[in-house]
C-alpha atoms as a PDB file:
ATOM      1  CA  UNK A   1      47.272  -8.793-103.943  1.00  0.00           C
ATOM      2  CA  UNK A   2      48.474 -10.141-100.638  1.00  0.00           C
ATOM      3  CA  UNK A   3      45.786 -10.998 -98.093  1.00  0.00           C
ATOM      4  CA  UNK A   4      45.179  -8.488 -95.296  1.00  0.00           C
ATOM      5  CA  UNK A   5      45.269  -9.608 -91.656  1.00  0.00           C
ATOM      6  CA  UNK A   6      44.166  -7.754 -88.545  1.00  0.00           C
ATOM      7  CA  UNK A   7      46.278  -9.210 -85.734  1.00  0.00           C
ATOM      8  CA  UNK A   8      45.131  -8.816 -82.137  1.00  0.00           C
ATOM      9  CA  UNK A   9      45.287 -10.589 -78.776  1.00  0.00           C
ATOM     10  CA  UNK A  10      44.339 -10.322 -75.102  1.00  0.00           C
ATOM     11  CA  UNK A  11      47.831 -10.383 -73.559  1.00  0.00           C
ATOM     12  CA  UNK A  12      48.586  -6.822 -74.637  1.00  0.00           C
ATOM     13  CA  UNK A  13      50.274  -5.129 -77.556  1.00  0.00           C
ATOM     14  CA  UNK A  14      53.788  -5.931 -76.285  1.00  0.00           C
ATOM     15  CA  UNK A  15      53.191  -9.663 -75.818  1.00  0.00           C
ATOM     16  CA  UNK A  16      55.823 -12.018 -77.180  1.00  0.00           C
ATOM     17  CA  UNK A  17      53.080 -14.237 -78.577  1.00  0.00           C
ATOM     18  CA  UNK A  18      51.550 -11.401 -80.594  1.00  0.00           C
ATOM     19  CA  UNK A  19      54.831 -10.452 -82.186  1.00  0.00           C
ATOM     20  CA  UNK A  20      55.751 -14.071 -82.830  1.00  0.00           C
ATOM     21  CA  UNK A  21      52.530 -14.290 -84.830  1.00  0.00           C
ATOM     22  CA  UNK A  22      53.413 -11.068 -86.637  1.00  0.00           C
ATOM     23  CA  UNK A  23      56.825 -12.418 -87.634  1.00  0.00           C
ATOM     24  CA  UNK A  24      55.231 -15.651 -88.850  1.00  0.00           C
ATOM     25  CA  UNK A  25      52.525 -13.948 -90.916  1.00  0.00           C
ATOM     26  CA  UNK A  26      54.189 -10.830 -92.316  1.00  0.00           C
ATOM     27  CA  UNK A  27      56.034 -12.753 -95.086  1.00  0.00           C
ATOM     28  CA  UNK A  28      52.705 -14.013 -96.486  1.00  0.00           C
ATOM     29  CA  UNK A  29      50.248 -11.205 -95.688  1.00  0.00           C
ATOM     30  CA  UNK A  30      49.895  -7.510 -94.992  1.00  0.00           C
ATOM     31  CA  UNK A  31      49.512  -7.555 -91.212  1.00  0.00           C
ATOM     32  CA  UNK A  32      48.225  -4.687 -89.070  1.00  0.00           C
ATOM     33  CA  UNK A  33      48.490  -5.015 -85.291  1.00  0.00           C
ATOM     34  CA  UNK A  34      45.598  -3.574 -83.284  1.00  0.00           C
ATOM     35  CA  UNK A  35      45.714  -4.858 -79.723  1.00  0.00           C
ATOM     36  CA  UNK A  36      44.934  -3.866 -76.144  1.00  0.00           C
ATOM     37  CA  UNK A  37      47.497  -1.574 -74.567  1.00  0.00           C
ATOM     38  CA  UNK A  38      47.611  -3.749 -71.434  1.00  0.00           C
ATOM     39  CA  UNK A  39      46.928  -7.294 -70.266  1.00  0.00           C
ATOM     40  CA  UNK A  40      43.256  -8.164 -70.807  1.00  0.00           C
ATOM     41  CA  UNK A  41      43.073 -11.927 -70.283  1.00  0.00           C
ATOM     42  CA  UNK A  42      39.759 -13.541 -69.318  1.00  0.00           C
ATOM     43  CA  UNK A  43      37.590 -10.557 -70.241  1.00  0.00           C
ATOM     44  CA  UNK A  44      35.723 -12.626 -72.826  1.00  0.00           C
ATOM     45  CA  UNK A  45      33.772 -10.621 -75.353  1.00  0.00           C
ATOM     46  CA  UNK A  46      33.048  -7.646 -73.123  1.00  0.00           C
ATOM     47  CA  UNK A  47      32.888  -4.220 -74.778  1.00  0.00           C
ATOM     48  CA  UNK A  48      33.653  -0.760 -73.361  1.00  0.00           C
ATOM     49  CA  UNK A  49      30.400   1.168 -73.692  1.00  0.00           C
ATOM     50  CA  UNK A  50      30.577   3.420 -70.615  1.00  0.00           C
ATOM     51  CA  UNK A  51      33.871   5.141 -71.365  1.00  0.00           C
ATOM     52  CA  UNK A  52      35.658   6.577 -74.400  1.00  0.00           C
ATOM     53  CA  UNK A  53      38.423   4.607 -76.069  1.00  0.00           C
ATOM     54  CA  UNK A  54      41.821   5.978 -77.018  1.00  0.00           C
ATOM     55  CA  UNK A  55      44.163   4.572 -79.634  1.00  0.00           C
ATOM     56  CA  UNK A  56      47.890   5.283 -79.627  1.00  0.00           C
ATOM     57  CA  UNK A  57      50.108   4.656 -82.607  1.00  0.00           C
ATOM     58  CA  UNK A  58      53.247   2.927 -81.373  1.00  0.00           C
ATOM     59  CA  UNK A  59      56.335   1.377 -82.932  1.00  0.00           C
ATOM     60  CA  UNK A  60      57.499  -2.062 -81.800  1.00  0.00           C
ATOM     61  CA  UNK A  61      60.933  -3.080 -83.086  1.00  0.00           C
ATOM     62  CA  UNK A  62      60.453  -0.805 -86.051  1.00  0.00           C
ATOM     63  CA  UNK A  63      56.918  -2.011 -86.824  1.00  0.00           C
ATOM     64  CA  UNK A  64      53.989   0.424 -86.445  1.00  0.00           C
ATOM     65  CA  UNK A  65      51.031  -0.815 -84.414  1.00  0.00           C
ATOM     66  CA  UNK A  66      47.918   0.449 -82.645  1.00  0.00           C
ATOM     67  CA  UNK A  67      47.541   0.188 -78.868  1.00  0.00           C
ATOM     68  CA  UNK A  68      43.913   0.387 -77.742  1.00  0.00           C
ATOM     69  CA  UNK A  69      43.141   1.456 -74.178  1.00  0.00           C
ATOM     70  CA  UNK A  70      40.408  -1.144 -73.926  1.00  0.00           C
ATOM     71  CA  UNK A  71      39.552  -4.786 -74.363  1.00  0.00           C
ATOM     72  CA  UNK A  72      40.283  -7.232 -77.203  1.00  0.00           C
ATOM     73  CA  UNK A  73      36.781  -6.773 -78.597  1.00  0.00           C
ATOM     74  CA  UNK A  74      37.287  -3.012 -78.532  1.00  0.00           C
ATOM     75  CA  UNK A  75      40.487  -3.441 -80.518  1.00  0.00           C
ATOM     76  CA  UNK A  76      38.696  -5.411 -83.212  1.00  0.00           C
ATOM     77  CA  UNK A  77      35.802  -2.965 -83.427  1.00  0.00           C
ATOM     78  CA  UNK A  78      38.117   0.044 -83.679  1.00  0.00           C
ATOM     79  CA  UNK A  79      40.295  -1.724 -86.214  1.00  0.00           C
ATOM     80  CA  UNK A  80      37.274  -2.377 -88.409  1.00  0.00           C
ATOM     81  CA  UNK A  81      35.222   0.775 -87.953  1.00  0.00           C
ATOM     82  CA  UNK A  82      37.615   3.540 -86.836  1.00  0.00           C
ATOM     83  CA  UNK A  83      40.797   2.545 -88.640  1.00  0.00           C
ATOM     84  CA  UNK A  84      38.788   1.004 -91.533  1.00  0.00           C
ATOM     85  CA  UNK A  85      41.294  -1.776 -92.109  1.00  0.00           C
ATOM     86  CA  UNK A  86      39.013  -4.119 -94.134  1.00  0.00           C
ATOM     87  CA  UNK A  87      40.976  -7.308 -93.374  1.00  0.00           C
ATOM     88  CA  UNK A  88      40.429 -10.611 -95.138  1.00  0.00           C
ATOM     89  CA  UNK A  89      41.108 -12.471 -91.898  1.00  0.00           C
ATOM     90  CA  UNK A  90      41.398 -11.691 -88.203  1.00  0.00           C
ATOM     91  CA  UNK A  91      43.995 -13.588 -86.189  1.00  0.00           C
ATOM     92  CA  UNK A  92      43.896 -13.467 -82.390  1.00  0.00           C
ATOM     93  CA  UNK A  93      46.994 -14.690 -80.574  1.00  0.00           C
ATOM     94  CA  UNK A  94      49.347 -16.311 -80.057  1.00  0.00           C
ATOM     95  CA  UNK A  95      47.861 -16.514 -76.565  1.00  0.00           C
ATOM     96  CA  UNK A  96      50.076 -17.483 -73.649  1.00  0.00           C
ATOM     97  CA  UNK A  97      48.055 -20.406 -72.319  1.00  0.00           C
ATOM     98  CA  UNK A  98      45.590 -22.834 -73.821  1.00  0.00           C
ATOM     99  CA  UNK A  99      41.956 -21.918 -74.545  1.00  0.00           C
ATOM    100  CA  UNK A 100      40.145 -25.239 -74.372  1.00  0.00           C
ATOM    101  CA  UNK A 101      36.588 -26.333 -73.484  1.00  0.00           C
ATOM    102  CA  UNK A 102      33.242 -24.535 -73.171  1.00  0.00           C
ATOM    103  CA  UNK A 103      34.617 -22.882 -70.066  1.00  0.00           C
ATOM    104  CA  UNK A 104      37.630 -21.211 -71.633  1.00  0.00           C
ATOM    105  CA  UNK A 105      36.133 -20.010 -74.899  1.00  0.00           C
ATOM    106  CA  UNK A 106      33.373 -18.232 -72.971  1.00  0.00           C
ATOM    107  CA  UNK A 107      35.898 -16.249 -70.898  1.00  0.00           C
ATOM    108  CA  UNK A 108      38.895 -15.973 -73.225  1.00  0.00           C
ATOM    109  CA  UNK A 109      39.660 -12.515 -74.540  1.00  0.00           C
ATOM    110  CA  UNK A 110      41.565 -14.147 -77.394  1.00  0.00           C
ATOM    111  CA  UNK A 111      38.544 -16.132 -78.549  1.00  0.00           C
ATOM    112  CA  UNK A 112      36.301 -13.165 -77.722  1.00  0.00           C
ATOM    113  CA  UNK A 113      38.213 -10.996 -80.189  1.00  0.00           C
ATOM    114  CA  UNK A 114      37.874 -13.664 -82.871  1.00  0.00           C
ATOM    115  CA  UNK A 115      34.140 -14.027 -82.214  1.00  0.00           C
ATOM    116  CA  UNK A 116      33.652 -10.268 -82.483  1.00  0.00           C
ATOM    117  CA  UNK A 117      35.426 -10.214 -85.813  1.00  0.00           C
ATOM    118  CA  UNK A 118      33.265 -13.053 -87.078  1.00  0.00           C
ATOM    119  CA  UNK A 119      30.155 -11.278 -85.832  1.00  0.00           C
ATOM    120  CA  UNK A 120      31.181  -8.293 -87.945  1.00  0.00           C
ATOM    121  CA  UNK A 121      31.536 -10.469 -91.024  1.00  0.00           C
ATOM    122  CA  UNK A 122      35.270 -11.205 -90.988  1.00  0.00           C
ATOM    123  CA  UNK A 123      36.394 -14.842 -90.537  1.00  0.00           C
ATOM    124  CA  UNK A 124      38.767 -15.345 -87.650  1.00  0.00           C
ATOM    125  CA  UNK A 125      41.324 -17.721 -86.213  1.00  0.00           C
ATOM    126  CA  UNK A 126      42.205 -17.818 -82.507  1.00  0.00           C
ATOM    127  CA  UNK A 127      45.573 -19.387 -81.698  1.00  0.00           C
ATOM    128  CA  UNK A 128      46.706 -20.367 -78.199  1.00  0.00           C
ATOM    129  CA  UNK A 129      49.804 -22.105 -76.872  1.00  0.00           C
ATOM    130  CA  UNK A 130      49.658 -24.540 -73.964  1.00  0.00           C
ATOM    131  CA  UNK A 131      51.962 -23.619 -71.098  1.00  0.00           C
ATOM    132  CA  UNK A 132      53.797 -26.202 -69.040  1.00  0.00           C
ATOM    133  CA  UNK A 133      53.758 -23.949 -65.980  1.00  0.00           C
ATOM    134  CA  UNK A 134      50.308 -22.435 -65.341  1.00  0.00           C
ATOM    135  CA  UNK A 135      52.015 -19.582 -63.505  1.00  0.00           C
ATOM    136  CA  UNK A 136      53.422 -18.452 -66.868  1.00  0.00           C
ATOM    137  CA  UNK A 137      49.947 -17.142 -67.721  1.00  0.00           C
ATOM    138  CA  UNK A 138      50.305 -14.573 -64.960  1.00  0.00           C
ATOM    139  CA  UNK A 139      53.832 -13.407 -65.709  1.00  0.00           C
ATOM    140  CA  UNK A 140      55.061 -10.553 -67.880  1.00  0.00           C
ATOM    141  CA  UNK A 141      53.623 -11.210 -71.374  1.00  0.00           C
ATOM    142  CA  UNK A 142      56.640  -9.492 -72.919  1.00  0.00           C
ATOM    143  CA  UNK A 143      58.681 -12.508 -71.847  1.00  0.00           C
ATOM    144  CA  UNK A 144      57.892 -16.189 -71.509  1.00  0.00           C
ATOM    145  CA  UNK A 145      59.809 -19.324 -70.666  1.00  0.00           C
ATOM    146  CA  UNK A 146      57.684 -21.110 -73.255  1.00  0.00           C
ATOM    147  CA  UNK A 147      59.016 -21.703 -76.774  1.00  0.00           C
ATOM    148  CA  UNK A 148      56.768 -20.167 -79.434  1.00  0.00           C
ATOM    149  CA  UNK A 149      58.578 -21.760 -82.391  1.00  0.00           C
ATOM    150  CA  UNK A 150      56.016 -24.526 -82.891  1.00  0.00           C
ATOM    151  CA  UNK A 151      53.075 -22.164 -82.519  1.00  0.00           C
ATOM    152  CA  UNK A 152      54.633 -19.799 -85.061  1.00  0.00           C
ATOM    153  CA  UNK A 153      54.753 -22.589 -87.647  1.00  0.00           C
ATOM    154  CA  UNK A 154      51.167 -23.534 -86.872  1.00  0.00           C
ATOM    155  CA  UNK A 155      49.726 -20.019 -87.160  1.00  0.00           C
ATOM    156  CA  UNK A 156      51.417 -19.521 -90.506  1.00  0.00           C
ATOM    157  CA  UNK A 157      50.352 -22.919 -91.809  1.00  0.00           C
ATOM    158  CA  UNK A 158      46.733 -22.406 -90.708  1.00  0.00           C
ATOM    159  CA  UNK A 159      46.551 -19.031 -92.429  1.00  0.00           C
ATOM    160  CA  UNK A 160      48.195 -20.315 -95.605  1.00  0.00           C
ATOM    161  CA  UNK A 161      45.600 -23.076 -95.806  1.00  0.00           C
ATOM    162  CA  UNK A 162      42.746 -20.593 -95.361  1.00  0.00           C
ATOM    163  CA  UNK A 163      44.201 -18.167 -97.904  1.00  0.00           C
ATOM    164  CA  UNK A 164      44.610 -20.976-100.450  1.00  0.00           C
ATOM    165  CA  UNK A 165      41.333 -22.850 -99.917  1.00  0.00           C
ATOM    166  CA  UNK A 166      38.971 -20.405 -98.211  1.00  0.00           C
ATOM    167  CA  UNK A 167      37.463 -20.365 -94.744  1.00  0.00           C
ATOM    168  CA  UNK A 168      35.526 -23.546 -93.897  1.00  0.00           C
ATOM    169  CA  UNK A 169      31.799 -23.248 -94.516  1.00  0.00           C
ATOM    170  CA  UNK A 170      29.690 -23.516 -91.369  1.00  0.00           C
ATOM    171  CA  UNK A 171      32.375 -22.176 -89.035  1.00  0.00           C
ATOM    172  CA  UNK A 172      32.692 -18.600 -87.829  1.00  0.00           C
ATOM    173  CA  UNK A 173      35.933 -19.043 -85.863  1.00  0.00           C
ATOM    174  CA  UNK A 174      38.658 -21.684 -85.918  1.00  0.00           C
ATOM    175  CA  UNK A 175      39.988 -22.203 -82.401  1.00  0.00           C
ATOM    176  CA  UNK A 176      43.541 -23.561 -82.611  1.00  0.00           C
ATOM    177  CA  UNK A 177      45.434 -24.856 -79.577  1.00  0.00           C
ATOM    178  CA  UNK A 178      49.071 -25.885 -79.847  1.00  0.00           C
ATOM    179  CA  UNK A 179      50.646 -28.268 -77.305  1.00  0.00           C
ATOM    180  CA  UNK A 180      53.690 -27.045 -75.421  1.00  0.00           C
ATOM    181  CA  UNK A 181      55.555 -30.019 -76.889  1.00  0.00           C
ATOM    182  CA  UNK A 182      53.768 -31.183 -80.057  1.00  0.00           C
ATOM    183  CA  UNK A 183      54.187 -34.852 -80.923  1.00  0.00           C
ATOM    184  CA  UNK A 184      51.442 -35.188 -83.523  1.00  0.00           C
ATOM    185  CA  UNK A 185      49.622 -33.332 -86.258  1.00  0.00           C
ATOM    186  CA  UNK A 186      46.244 -31.661 -86.464  1.00  0.00           C
ATOM    187  CA  UNK A 187      43.060 -33.109 -85.001  1.00  0.00           C
ATOM    188  CA  UNK A 188      39.613 -31.673 -85.672  1.00  0.00           C
ATOM    189  CA  UNK A 189      38.019 -31.629 -82.223  1.00  0.00           C
ATOM    190  CA  UNK A 190      34.910 -30.666 -80.292  1.00  0.00           C
ATOM    191  CA  UNK A 191      34.952 -28.623 -77.116  1.00  0.00           C
ATOM    192  CA  UNK A 192      35.367 -30.417 -73.818  1.00  0.00           C
ATOM    193  CA  UNK A 193      33.093 -29.328 -70.973  1.00  0.00           C
ATOM    194  CA  UNK A 194      35.672 -27.913 -68.571  1.00  0.00           C
ATOM    195  CA  UNK A 195      39.364 -27.171 -68.253  1.00  0.00           C
ATOM    196  CA  UNK A 196      39.513 -26.335 -64.552  1.00  0.00           C
ATOM    197  CA  UNK A 197      37.997 -27.859 -61.425  1.00  0.00           C
ATOM    198  CA  UNK A 198      36.707 -24.521 -60.168  1.00  0.00           C
ATOM    199  CA  UNK A 199      37.216 -23.672 -56.521  1.00  0.00           C
ATOM    200  CA  UNK A 200      37.346 -20.676 -54.221  1.00  0.00           C
ATOM    201  CA  UNK A 201      39.988 -20.054 -51.562  1.00  0.00           C
ATOM    202  CA  UNK A 202      39.024 -17.879 -48.605  1.00  0.00           C
ATOM    203  CA  UNK A 203      41.704 -15.804 -46.896  1.00  0.00           C
ATOM    204  CA  UNK A 204      41.842 -13.063 -44.293  1.00  0.00           C
ATOM    205  CA  UNK A 205      43.430  -9.664 -44.786  1.00  0.00           C
ATOM    206  CA  UNK A 206      45.581  -8.064 -42.016  1.00  0.00           C
ATOM    207  CA  UNK A 207      42.422  -6.602 -40.467  1.00  0.00           C
ATOM    208  CA  UNK A 208      40.721  -9.968 -40.270  1.00  0.00           C
ATOM    209  CA  UNK A 209      38.270  -9.341 -43.097  1.00  0.00           C
ATOM    210  CA  UNK A 210      37.752 -12.150 -45.620  1.00  0.00           C
ATOM    211  CA  UNK A 211      38.645 -12.013 -49.292  1.00  0.00           C
ATOM    212  CA  UNK A 212      38.577 -14.695 -51.970  1.00  0.00           C
ATOM    213  CA  UNK A 213      40.645 -16.120 -54.828  1.00  0.00           C
ATOM    214  CA  UNK A 214      38.926 -18.091 -57.583  1.00  0.00           C
ATOM    215  CA  UNK A 215      41.223 -21.033 -58.218  1.00  0.00           C
ATOM    216  CA  UNK A 216      41.211 -24.750 -58.941  1.00  0.00           C
ATOM    217  CA  UNK A 217      43.521 -27.296 -60.580  1.00  0.00           C
ATOM    218  CA  UNK A 218      43.594 -27.882 -64.328  1.00  0.00           C
ATOM    219  CA  UNK A 219      41.736 -30.947 -65.610  1.00  0.00           C
ATOM    220  CA  UNK A 220      44.367 -33.178 -67.139  1.00  0.00           C
ATOM    221  CA  UNK A 221      42.254 -35.052 -69.681  1.00  0.00           C
ATOM    222  CA  UNK A 222      38.813 -35.494 -71.216  1.00  0.00           C
ATOM    223  CA  UNK A 223      37.118 -37.956 -73.546  1.00  0.00           C
ATOM    224  CA  UNK A 224      38.635 -38.740 -76.952  1.00  0.00           C
ATOM    225  CA  UNK A 225      37.600 -36.330 -79.677  1.00  0.00           C
ATOM    226  CA  UNK A 226      37.740 -33.284 -77.419  1.00  0.00           C
ATOM    227  CA  UNK A 227      40.191 -30.413 -77.557  1.00  0.00           C
ATOM    228  CA  UNK A 228      41.464 -31.167 -74.051  1.00  0.00           C
ATOM    229  CA  UNK A 229      42.244 -34.784 -74.979  1.00  0.00           C
ATOM    230  CA  UNK A 230      43.999 -33.831 -78.228  1.00  0.00           C
ATOM    231  CA  UNK A 231      46.329 -31.450 -76.416  1.00  0.00           C
ATOM    232  CA  UNK A 232      47.085 -34.011 -73.719  1.00  0.00           C
ATOM    233  CA  UNK A 233      48.055 -36.437 -76.512  1.00  0.00           C
ATOM    234  CA  UNK A 234      50.380 -33.866 -78.073  1.00  0.00           C
ATOM    235  CA  UNK A 235      48.208 -33.099 -81.109  1.00  0.00           C
ATOM    236  CA  UNK A 236      47.232 -29.672 -82.409  1.00  0.00           C
ATOM    237  CA  UNK A 237      43.554 -29.115 -81.640  1.00  0.00           C
ATOM    238  CA  UNK A 238      41.506 -27.382 -84.348  1.00  0.00           C
ATOM    239  CA  UNK A 239      37.924 -26.692 -83.259  1.00  0.00           C
ATOM    240  CA  UNK A 240      35.268 -25.079 -85.464  1.00  0.00           C
ATOM    241  CA  UNK A 241      33.248 -22.526 -83.496  1.00  0.00           C
ATOM    242  CA  UNK A 242      29.914 -21.016 -84.453  1.00  0.00           C
ATOM    243  CA  UNK A 243      28.324 -17.804 -83.247  1.00  0.00           C
ATOM    244  CA  UNK A 244      24.910 -19.465 -83.191  1.00  0.00           C
ATOM    245  CA  UNK A 245      24.318 -20.499 -79.578  1.00  0.00           C
ATOM    246  CA  UNK A 246      20.867 -21.905 -80.307  1.00  0.00           C
ATOM    247  CA  UNK A 247      20.279 -25.374 -78.823  1.00  0.00           C
ATOM    248  CA  UNK A 248      18.220 -27.217 -81.480  1.00  0.00           C
ATOM    249  CA  UNK A 249      18.086 -30.406 -79.403  1.00  0.00           C
ATOM    250  CA  UNK A 250      16.118 -28.508 -76.746  1.00  0.00           C
ATOM    251  CA  UNK A 251      13.593 -27.001 -79.168  1.00  0.00           C
ATOM    252  CA  UNK A 252      10.914 -29.704 -78.804  1.00  0.00           C
ATOM    253  CA  UNK A 253      11.058 -29.562 -75.013  1.00  0.00           C
ATOM    254  CA  UNK A 254      11.003 -25.754 -75.026  1.00  0.00           C
ATOM    255  CA  UNK A 255       8.039 -25.739 -77.403  1.00  0.00           C
ATOM    256  CA  UNK A 256       6.213 -28.178 -75.160  1.00  0.00           C
ATOM    257  CA  UNK A 257       7.047 -26.218 -71.997  1.00  0.00           C
ATOM    258  CA  UNK A 258       5.661 -22.990 -73.418  1.00  0.00           C
ATOM    259  CA  UNK A 259       2.770 -24.392 -75.444  1.00  0.00           C
ATOM    260  CA  UNK A 260      -0.774 -23.187 -74.857  1.00  0.00           C
END
């Protein structure tokens, strides 16, 4: 039997990256698309618990799919528990824009969807493509100036390796980031600390009242061995992620702090 894949994302069900991944994976797996109906970037792993969720069956270029009026995590949960898909693997992506560092994986809807799948017992791969123009992250996800050809080869290759050899023990999610212009192969990396130098810009509306934009330039590089550095060197970053956020190194100090 062919492996079963639940394919989702955070850029929306009509994103070019999502359907590039579908085209790459459908020759080797039975792929079902369950994705947010609209753009849901940077919502992390948030879940809709105060409102009902609707699912519409749509057809995209002749392929049936499910559009969820919610967040990426909602799409995964509904795919597993409402649609009862029982996938062997969840793939989130291909995201328009890199998801690197502690900072990004905590806010990324793409990684959030993968983490939710893993939390429900299904191994997951999150795949993101670096953009050369950061403004491309905020454009229409149905179109992109970025070439997805390299990312398509990577997502298929990653899944073929997992199907053939199994999901790596000790990891819950594999976070894959593909350079805009790859010049090297895979590198197993750790997360860098930050991707952006966070800032806030204050502006005034026409009535003189202040409002704010969270902004800040991208950090161009980090220490060797990190995901940020691998991408800057043109290599494909592959980072094992675990759901366990326990900090064992802090346990002795915590025990001492709260000892009687």
